[in-house]
Amino acid sequence: MRVNVQFFSQLRELAGASELTLDLPDGAAVADLLRQLYERIPALGKWDNNILVGAGVDFVGREYLLQPNEQIAIMPPVQGG
């Protein structure tokens, strides 16, 4: 299945693109997507403990099962004042 991944803030700079399309096996979870991303873009791995992952308008955990053609957002931690 294909999943479209969008990168935000510093992660966009590390990825070298604002978005990327990945092919993943059916039944893949966010954890599988992250593993594939880190293999393709090792610099993203250092953010592993801090990134936020969104599917649609919701933040999701690593166990979230991805859907074909889903839009996934990869973001650094949210900071506010």
PDB file of N, CA and C in Angstrom:
ATOM      1  N   MET A   1       0.838  -1.173   0.000  1.00  0.00           N
ATOM      2  CA  MET A   1       0.000   0.000   0.000  1.00  0.00           C
ATOM      3  C   MET A   1       0.884   1.237   0.000  1.00  0.00           C
ATOM      4  N   ARG A   2       0.353   2.290  -0.582  1.00  0.00           N
ATOM      5  CA  ARG A   2       1.080   3.562  -0.623  1.00  0.00           C
ATOM      6  C   ARG A   2       0.576   4.479   0.476  1.00  0.00           C
ATOM      7  N   VAL A   3       1.524   5.186   1.106  1.00  0.00           N
ATOM      8  CA  VAL A   3       1.203   6.157   2.138  1.00  0.00           C
ATOM      9  C   VAL A   3       1.997   7.422   1.830  1.00  0.00           C
ATOM     10  N   ASN A   4       1.342   8.558   1.919  1.00  0.00           N
ATOM     11  CA  ASN A   4       2.011   9.835   1.687  1.00  0.00           C
ATOM     12  C   ASN A   4       2.428  10.422   3.036  1.00  0.00           C
ATOM     13  N   VAL A   5       3.693  10.770   3.163  1.00  0.00           N
ATOM     14  CA  VAL A   5       4.240  11.298   4.408  1.00  0.00           C
ATOM     15  C   VAL A   5       4.634  12.749   4.189  1.00  0.00           C
ATOM     16  N   GLN A   6       4.150  13.631   5.073  1.00  0.00           N
ATOM     17  CA  GLN A   6       4.525  15.034   5.035  1.00  0.00           C
ATOM     18  C   GLN A   6       5.431  15.330   6.220  1.00  0.00           C
ATOM     19  N   PHE A   7       6.460  16.127   5.975  1.00  0.00           N
ATOM     20  CA  PHE A   7       7.407  16.511   7.015  1.00  0.00           C
ATOM     21  C   PHE A   7       7.226  17.979   7.353  1.00  0.00           C
ATOM     22  N   PHE A   8       7.387  18.315   8.621  1.00  0.00           N
ATOM     23  CA  PHE A   8       7.213  19.683   9.069  1.00  0.00           C
ATOM     24  C   PHE A   8       8.438  20.174   9.843  1.00  0.00           C
ATOM     25  N   SER A   9       8.633  21.479   9.792  1.00  0.00           N
ATOM     26  CA  SER A   9       9.665  22.194  10.537  1.00  0.00           C
ATOM     27  C   SER A   9      11.053  21.617  10.246  1.00  0.00           C
ATOM     28  N   GLN A  10      11.840  21.367  11.298  1.00  0.00           N
ATOM     29  CA  GLN A  10      13.216  20.886  11.126  1.00  0.00           C
ATOM     30  C   GLN A  10      13.266  19.533  10.404  1.00  0.00           C
ATOM     31  N   LEU A  11      12.236  18.744  10.572  1.00  0.00           N
ATOM     32  CA  LEU A  11      12.228  17.421   9.943  1.00  0.00           C
ATOM     33  C   LEU A  11      12.146  17.525   8.427  1.00  0.00           C
ATOM     34  N   ARG A  12      11.509  18.572   7.933  1.00  0.00           N
ATOM     35  CA  ARG A  12      11.458  18.811   6.488  1.00  0.00           C
ATOM     36  C   ARG A  12      12.870  19.049   5.960  1.00  0.00           C
ATOM     37  N   GLU A  13      13.649  19.826   6.700  1.00  0.00           N
ATOM     38  CA  GLU A  13      15.031  20.100   6.282  1.00  0.00           C
ATOM     39  C   GLU A  13      15.872  18.827   6.291  1.00  0.00           C
ATOM     40  N   LEU A  14      15.710  18.011   7.328  1.00  0.00           N
ATOM     41  CA  LEU A  14      16.467  16.757   7.403  1.00  0.00           C
ATOM     42  C   LEU A  14      16.086  15.798   6.277  1.00  0.00           C
ATOM     43  N   ALA A  15      14.796  15.755   5.955  1.00  0.00           N
ATOM     44  CA  ALA A  15      14.315  14.848   4.907  1.00  0.00           C
ATOM     45  C   ALA A  15      14.701  15.348   3.519  1.00  0.00           C
ATOM     46  N   GLY A  16      14.940  16.651   3.399  1.00  0.00           N
ATOM     47  CA  GLY A  16      15.281  17.217   2.102  1.00  0.00           C
ATOM     48  C   GLY A  16      14.090  17.352   1.173  1.00  0.00           C
ATOM     49  N   ALA A  17      12.887  17.219   1.729  1.00  0.00           N
ATOM     50  CA  ALA A  17      11.661  17.338   0.946  1.00  0.00           C
ATOM     51  C   ALA A  17      10.502  17.599   1.897  1.00  0.00           C
ATOM     52  N   SER A  18       9.445  18.170   1.386  1.00  0.00           N
ATOM     53  CA  SER A  18       8.285  18.409   2.246  1.00  0.00           C
ATOM     54  C   SER A  18       7.383  17.171   2.332  1.00  0.00           C
ATOM     55  N   GLU A  19       7.481  16.304   1.336  1.00  0.00           N
ATOM     56  CA  GLU A  19       6.711  15.060   1.405  1.00  0.00           C
ATOM     57  C   GLU A  19       7.372  13.944   0.619  1.00  0.00           C
ATOM     58  N   LEU A  20       6.916  12.734   0.919  1.00  0.00           N
ATOM     59  CA  LEU A  20       7.505  11.530   0.352  1.00  0.00           C
ATOM     60  C   LEU A  20       6.413  10.471   0.306  1.00  0.00           C
ATOM     61  N   THR A  21       6.405   9.653  -0.723  1.00  0.00           N
ATOM     62  CA  THR A  21       5.463   8.536  -0.800  1.00  0.00           C
ATOM     63  C   THR A  21       6.224   7.245  -0.529  1.00  0.00           C
ATOM     64  N   LEU A  22       5.680   6.433   0.370  1.00  0.00           N
ATOM     65  CA  LEU A  22       6.300   5.149   0.718  1.00  0.00           C
ATOM     66  C   LEU A  22       5.374   4.010   0.337  1.00  0.00           C
ATOM     67  N   ASP A  23       5.963   2.895  -0.070  1.00  0.00           N
ATOM     68  CA  ASP A  23       5.223   1.652  -0.291  1.00  0.00           C
ATOM     69  C   ASP A  23       5.471   0.758   0.913  1.00  0.00           C
ATOM     70  N   LEU A  24       4.395   0.364   1.563  1.00  0.00           N
ATOM     71  CA  LEU A  24       4.465  -0.487   2.753  1.00  0.00           C
ATOM     72  C   LEU A  24       3.562  -1.696   2.556  1.00  0.00           C
ATOM     73  N   PRO A  25       3.852  -2.783   3.256  1.00  0.00           N
ATOM     74  CA  PRO A  25       2.972  -3.950   3.134  1.00  0.00           C
ATOM     75  C   PRO A  25       1.614  -3.675   3.781  1.00  0.00           C
ATOM     76  N   ASP A  26       0.571  -4.335   3.299  1.00  0.00           N
ATOM     77  CA  ASP A  26      -0.750  -4.227   3.926  1.00  0.00           C
ATOM     78  C   ASP A  26      -0.626  -4.611   5.390  1.00  0.00           C
ATOM     79  N   GLY A  27      -1.338  -3.903   6.244  1.00  0.00           N
ATOM     80  CA  GLY A  27      -1.298  -4.187   7.675  1.00  0.00           C
ATOM     81  C   GLY A  27      -0.147  -3.512   8.397  1.00  0.00           C
ATOM     82  N   ALA A  28       0.605  -2.651   7.707  1.00  0.00           N
ATOM     83  CA  ALA A  28       1.739  -1.965   8.344  1.00  0.00           C
ATOM     84  C   ALA A  28       1.226  -0.943   9.352  1.00  0.00           C
ATOM     85  N   ALA A  29       2.013  -0.749  10.392  1.00  0.00           N
ATOM     86  CA  ALA A  29       1.704   0.219  11.435  1.00  0.00           C
ATOM     87  C   ALA A  29       2.658   1.405  11.314  1.00  0.00           C
ATOM     88  N   VAL A  30       2.396   2.430  12.099  1.00  0.00           N
ATOM     89  CA  VAL A  30       3.269   3.605  12.124  1.00  0.00           C
ATOM     90  C   VAL A  30       4.704   3.196  12.431  1.00  0.00           C
ATOM     91  N   ALA A  31       4.899   2.245  13.337  1.00  0.00           N
ATOM     92  CA  ALA A  31       6.253   1.791  13.670  1.00  0.00           C
ATOM     93  C   ALA A  31       6.985   1.271  12.432  1.00  0.00           C
ATOM     94  N   ASP A  32       6.288   0.578  11.549  1.00  0.00           N
ATOM     95  CA  ASP A  32       6.889   0.071  10.311  1.00  0.00           C
ATOM     96  C   ASP A  32       7.248   1.223   9.377  1.00  0.00           C
ATOM     97  N   LEU A  33       6.367   2.209   9.300  1.00  0.00           N
ATOM     98  CA  LEU A  33       6.630   3.376   8.478  1.00  0.00           C
ATOM     99  C   LEU A  33       7.881   4.103   8.983  1.00  0.00           C
ATOM    100  N   LEU A  34       7.968   4.313  10.298  1.00  0.00           N
ATOM    101  CA  LEU A  34       9.132   5.003  10.855  1.00  0.00           C
ATOM    102  C   LEU A  34      10.422   4.231  10.592  1.00  0.00           C
ATOM    103  N   ARG A  35      10.365   2.932  10.729  1.00  0.00           N
ATOM    104  CA  ARG A  35      11.547   2.099  10.478  1.00  0.00           C
ATOM    105  C   ARG A  35      12.039   2.290   9.039  1.00  0.00           C
ATOM    106  N   GLN A  36      11.103   2.292   8.098  1.00  0.00           N
ATOM    107  CA  GLN A  36      11.476   2.480   6.696  1.00  0.00           C
ATOM    108  C   GLN A  36      12.012   3.901   6.468  1.00  0.00           C
ATOM    109  N   LEU A  37      11.393   4.883   7.094  1.00  0.00           N
ATOM    110  CA  LEU A  37      11.888   6.256   6.961  1.00  0.00           C
ATOM    111  C   LEU A  37      13.315   6.391   7.478  1.00  0.00           C
ATOM    112  N   TYR A  38      13.602   5.792   8.619  1.00  0.00           N
ATOM    113  CA  TYR A  38      14.938   5.893   9.218  1.00  0.00           C
ATOM    114  C   TYR A  38      15.984   5.186   8.371  1.00  0.00           C
ATOM    115  N   GLU A  39      15.585   4.134   7.671  1.00  0.00           N
ATOM    116  CA  GLU A  39      16.516   3.463   6.758  1.00  0.00           C
ATOM    117  C   GLU A  39      16.830   4.359   5.566  1.00  0.00           C
ATOM    118  N   ARG A  40      15.826   5.055   5.052  1.00  0.00           N
ATOM    119  CA  ARG A  40      16.017   5.944   3.896  1.00  0.00           C
ATOM    120  C   ARG A  40      16.672   7.262   4.266  1.00  0.00           C
ATOM    121  N   ILE A  41      16.340   7.769   5.463  1.00  0.00           N
ATOM    122  CA  ILE A  41      16.831   9.075   5.908  1.00  0.00           C
ATOM    123  C   ILE A  41      17.335   8.923   7.343  1.00  0.00           C
ATOM    124  N   PRO A  42      18.550   8.413   7.513  1.00  0.00           N
ATOM    125  CA  PRO A  42      19.067   8.129   8.857  1.00  0.00           C
ATOM    126  C   PRO A  42      19.042   9.328   9.808  1.00  0.00           C
ATOM    127  N   ALA A  43      19.174  10.544   9.308  1.00  0.00           N
ATOM    128  CA  ALA A  43      19.186  11.728  10.182  1.00  0.00           C
ATOM    129  C   ALA A  43      17.874  11.877  10.958  1.00  0.00           C
ATOM    130  N   LEU A  44      16.783  11.333  10.448  1.00  0.00           N
ATOM    131  CA  LEU A  44      15.512  11.416  11.157  1.00  0.00           C
ATOM    132  C   LEU A  44      15.503  10.541  12.410  1.00  0.00           C
ATOM    133  N   GLY A  45      16.316   9.517  12.441  1.00  0.00           N
ATOM    134  CA  GLY A  45      16.349   8.579  13.560  1.00  0.00           C
ATOM    135  C   GLY A  45      16.656   9.232  14.891  1.00  0.00           C
ATOM    136  N   LYS A  46      17.442  10.301  14.880  1.00  0.00           N
ATOM    137  CA  LYS A  46      17.782  10.945  16.158  1.00  0.00           C
ATOM    138  C   LYS A  46      16.569  11.622  16.800  1.00  0.00           C
ATOM    139  N   TRP A  47      15.522  11.841  16.026  1.00  0.00           N
ATOM    140  CA  TRP A  47      14.292  12.440  16.529  1.00  0.00           C
ATOM    141  C   TRP A  47      13.288  11.395  17.006  1.00  0.00           C
ATOM    142  N   ASP A  48      13.629  10.123  16.928  1.00  0.00           N
ATOM    143  CA  ASP A  48      12.681   9.038  17.170  1.00  0.00           C
ATOM    144  C   ASP A  48      11.900   9.174  18.481  1.00  0.00           C
ATOM    145  N   ASN A  49      12.551   9.546  19.553  1.00  0.00           N
ATOM    146  CA  ASN A  49      11.866   9.618  20.847  1.00  0.00           C
ATOM    147  C   ASN A  49      10.972  10.843  20.987  1.00  0.00           C
ATOM    148  N   ASN A  50      11.067  11.794  20.071  1.00  0.00           N
ATOM    149  CA  ASN A  50      10.361  13.054  20.242  1.00  0.00           C
ATOM    150  C   ASN A  50       9.336  13.392  19.167  1.00  0.00           C
ATOM    151  N   ILE A  51       9.336  12.667  18.060  1.00  0.00           N
ATOM    152  CA  ILE A  51       8.441  13.070  16.969  1.00  0.00           C
ATOM    153  C   ILE A  51       6.986  12.785  17.304  1.00  0.00           C
ATOM    154  N   LEU A  52       6.138  13.553  16.655  1.00  0.00           N
ATOM    155  CA  LEU A  52       4.696  13.339  16.718  1.00  0.00           C
ATOM    156  C   LEU A  52       4.246  12.870  15.350  1.00  0.00           C
ATOM    157  N   VAL A  53       3.296  11.945  15.337  1.00  0.00           N
ATOM    158  CA  VAL A  53       2.786  11.407  14.078  1.00  0.00           C
ATOM    159  C   VAL A  53       1.289  11.668  14.030  1.00  0.00           C
ATOM    160  N   GLY A  54       0.864  12.267  12.937  1.00  0.00           N
ATOM    161  CA  GLY A  54      -0.549  12.527  12.741  1.00  0.00           C
ATOM    162  C   GLY A  54      -1.090  11.749  11.559  1.00  0.00           C
ATOM    163  N   ALA A  55      -2.308  11.268  11.702  1.00  0.00           N
ATOM    164  CA  ALA A  55      -3.033  10.613  10.599  1.00  0.00           C
ATOM    165  C   ALA A  55      -4.335  11.379  10.457  1.00  0.00           C
ATOM    166  N   GLY A  56      -4.484  12.063   9.332  1.00  0.00           N
ATOM    167  CA  GLY A  56      -5.645  12.937   9.185  1.00  0.00           C
ATOM    168  C   GLY A  56      -5.511  14.095  10.153  1.00  0.00           C
ATOM    169  N   VAL A  57      -6.480  14.262  11.049  1.00  0.00           N
ATOM    170  CA  VAL A  57      -6.444  15.360  12.019  1.00  0.00           C
ATOM    171  C   VAL A  57      -6.106  14.891  13.428  1.00  0.00           C
ATOM    172  N   ASP A  58      -5.779  13.610  13.582  1.00  0.00           N
ATOM    173  CA  ASP A  58      -5.496  13.046  14.907  1.00  0.00           C
ATOM    174  C   ASP A  58      -4.040  12.653  15.055  1.00  0.00           C
ATOM    175  N   PHE A  59      -3.502  12.845  16.268  1.00  0.00           N
ATOM    176  CA  PHE A  59      -2.204  12.279  16.594  1.00  0.00           C
ATOM    177  C   PHE A  59      -2.409  10.793  16.842  1.00  0.00           C
ATOM    178  N   VAL A  60      -1.470   9.971  16.385  1.00  0.00           N
ATOM    179  CA  VAL A  60      -1.597   8.515  16.530  1.00  0.00           C
ATOM    180  C   VAL A  60      -0.318   7.938  17.115  1.00  0.00           C
ATOM    181  N   GLY A  61      -0.453   6.763  17.720  1.00  0.00           N
ATOM    182  CA  GLY A  61       0.688   6.047  18.279  1.00  0.00           C
ATOM    183  C   GLY A  61       1.336   5.140  17.247  1.00  0.00           C
ATOM    184  N   ARG A  62       2.408   4.538  17.649  1.00  0.00           N
ATOM    185  CA  ARG A  62       3.177   3.680  16.751  1.00  0.00           C
ATOM    186  C   ARG A  62       2.455   2.389  16.398  1.00  0.00           C
ATOM    187  N   GLU A  63       1.456   2.024  17.166  1.00  0.00           N
ATOM    188  CA  GLU A  63       0.705   0.804  16.885  1.00  0.00           C
ATOM    189  C   GLU A  63      -0.439   1.040  15.899  1.00  0.00           C
ATOM    190  N   TYR A  64      -0.708   2.292  15.558  1.00  0.00           N
ATOM    191  CA  TYR A  64      -1.787   2.651  14.633  1.00  0.00           C
ATOM    192  C   TYR A  64      -1.571   1.966  13.281  1.00  0.00           C
ATOM    193  N   LEU A  65      -2.613   1.283  12.798  1.00  0.00           N
ATOM    194  CA  LEU A  65      -2.530   0.590  11.512  1.00  0.00           C
ATOM    195  C   LEU A  65      -2.842   1.565  10.379  1.00  0.00           C
ATOM    196  N   LEU A  66      -1.946   1.645   9.444  1.00  0.00           N
ATOM    197  CA  LEU A  66      -2.067   2.572   8.324  1.00  0.00           C
ATOM    198  C   LEU A  66      -3.067   2.063   7.290  1.00  0.00           C
ATOM    199  N   GLN A  67      -3.683   3.008   6.596  1.00  0.00           N
ATOM    200  CA  GLN A  67      -4.637   2.706   5.540  1.00  0.00           C
ATOM    201  C   GLN A  67      -4.024   3.107   4.195  1.00  0.00           C
ATOM    202  N   PRO A  68      -4.372   2.423   3.116  1.00  0.00           N
ATOM    203  CA  PRO A  68      -3.856   2.804   1.800  1.00  0.00           C
ATOM    204  C   PRO A  68      -4.168   4.263   1.473  1.00  0.00           C
ATOM    205  N   ASN A  69      -3.188   4.933   0.878  1.00  0.00           N
ATOM    206  CA  ASN A  69      -3.301   6.333   0.452  1.00  0.00           C
ATOM    207  C   ASN A  69      -3.533   7.311   1.602  1.00  0.00           C
ATOM    208  N   GLU A  70      -3.209   6.881   2.810  1.00  0.00           N
ATOM    209  CA  GLU A  70      -3.390   7.754   3.966  1.00  0.00           C
ATOM    210  C   GLU A  70      -2.345   8.867   3.969  1.00  0.00           C
ATOM    211  N   GLN A  71      -2.735  10.003   4.507  1.00  0.00           N
ATOM    212  CA  GLN A  71      -1.859  11.156   4.646  1.00  0.00           C
ATOM    213  C   GLN A  71      -1.311  11.142   6.071  1.00  0.00           C
ATOM    214  N   ILE A  72       0.018  11.010   6.207  1.00  0.00           N
ATOM    215  CA  ILE A  72       0.664  10.947   7.513  1.00  0.00           C
ATOM    216  C   ILE A  72       1.557  12.168   7.679  1.00  0.00           C
ATOM    217  N   ALA A  73       1.462  12.818   8.838  1.00  0.00           N
ATOM    218  CA  ALA A  73       2.287  13.984   9.140  1.00  0.00           C
ATOM    219  C   ALA A  73       3.328  13.597  10.188  1.00  0.00           C
ATOM    220  N   ILE A  74       4.583  13.957   9.919  1.00  0.00           N
ATOM    221  CA  ILE A  74       5.682  13.710  10.845  1.00  0.00           C
ATOM    222  C   ILE A  74       6.161  15.077  11.337  1.00  0.00           C
ATOM    223  N   MET A  75       6.047  15.316  12.655  1.00  0.00           N
ATOM    224  CA  MET A  75       6.332  16.629  13.209  1.00  0.00           C
ATOM    225  C   MET A  75       7.268  16.550  14.411  1.00  0.00           C
ATOM    226  N   PRO A  76       8.037  17.604  14.624  1.00  0.00           N
ATOM    227  CA  PRO A  76       8.804  17.682  15.868  1.00  0.00           C
ATOM    228  C   PRO A  76       7.845  17.996  17.016  1.00  0.00           C
ATOM    229  N   PRO A  77       8.311  17.910  18.261  1.00  0.00           N
ATOM    230  CA  PRO A  77       7.440  18.220  19.386  1.00  0.00           C
ATOM    231  C   PRO A  77       6.852  19.625  19.267  1.00  0.00           C
ATOM    232  N   VAL A  78       5.631  19.770  19.719  1.00  0.00           N
ATOM    233  CA  VAL A  78       4.970  21.071  19.686  1.00  0.00           C
ATOM    234  C   VAL A  78       5.486  21.898  20.856  1.00  0.00           C
ATOM    235  N   GLN A  79       5.856  23.126  20.567  1.00  0.00           N
ATOM    236  CA  GLN A  79       6.324  24.035  21.606  1.00  0.00           C
ATOM    237  C   GLN A  79       5.419  25.241  21.631  1.00  0.00           C
ATOM    238  N   GLY A  80       5.187  25.747  22.781  1.00  0.00           N
ATOM    239  CA  GLY A  80       4.320  26.915  22.899  1.00  0.00           C
ATOM    240  C   GLY A  80       4.811  27.841  23.980  1.00  0.00           C
ATOM    241  N   GLY A  81       4.152  28.935  24.083  1.00  0.00           N
ATOM    242  CA  GLY A  81       4.564  29.917  25.078  1.00  0.00           C
ATOM    243  C   GLY A  81       3.405  30.469  25.835  1.00  0.00           C
TER     244      GLY A  81
END
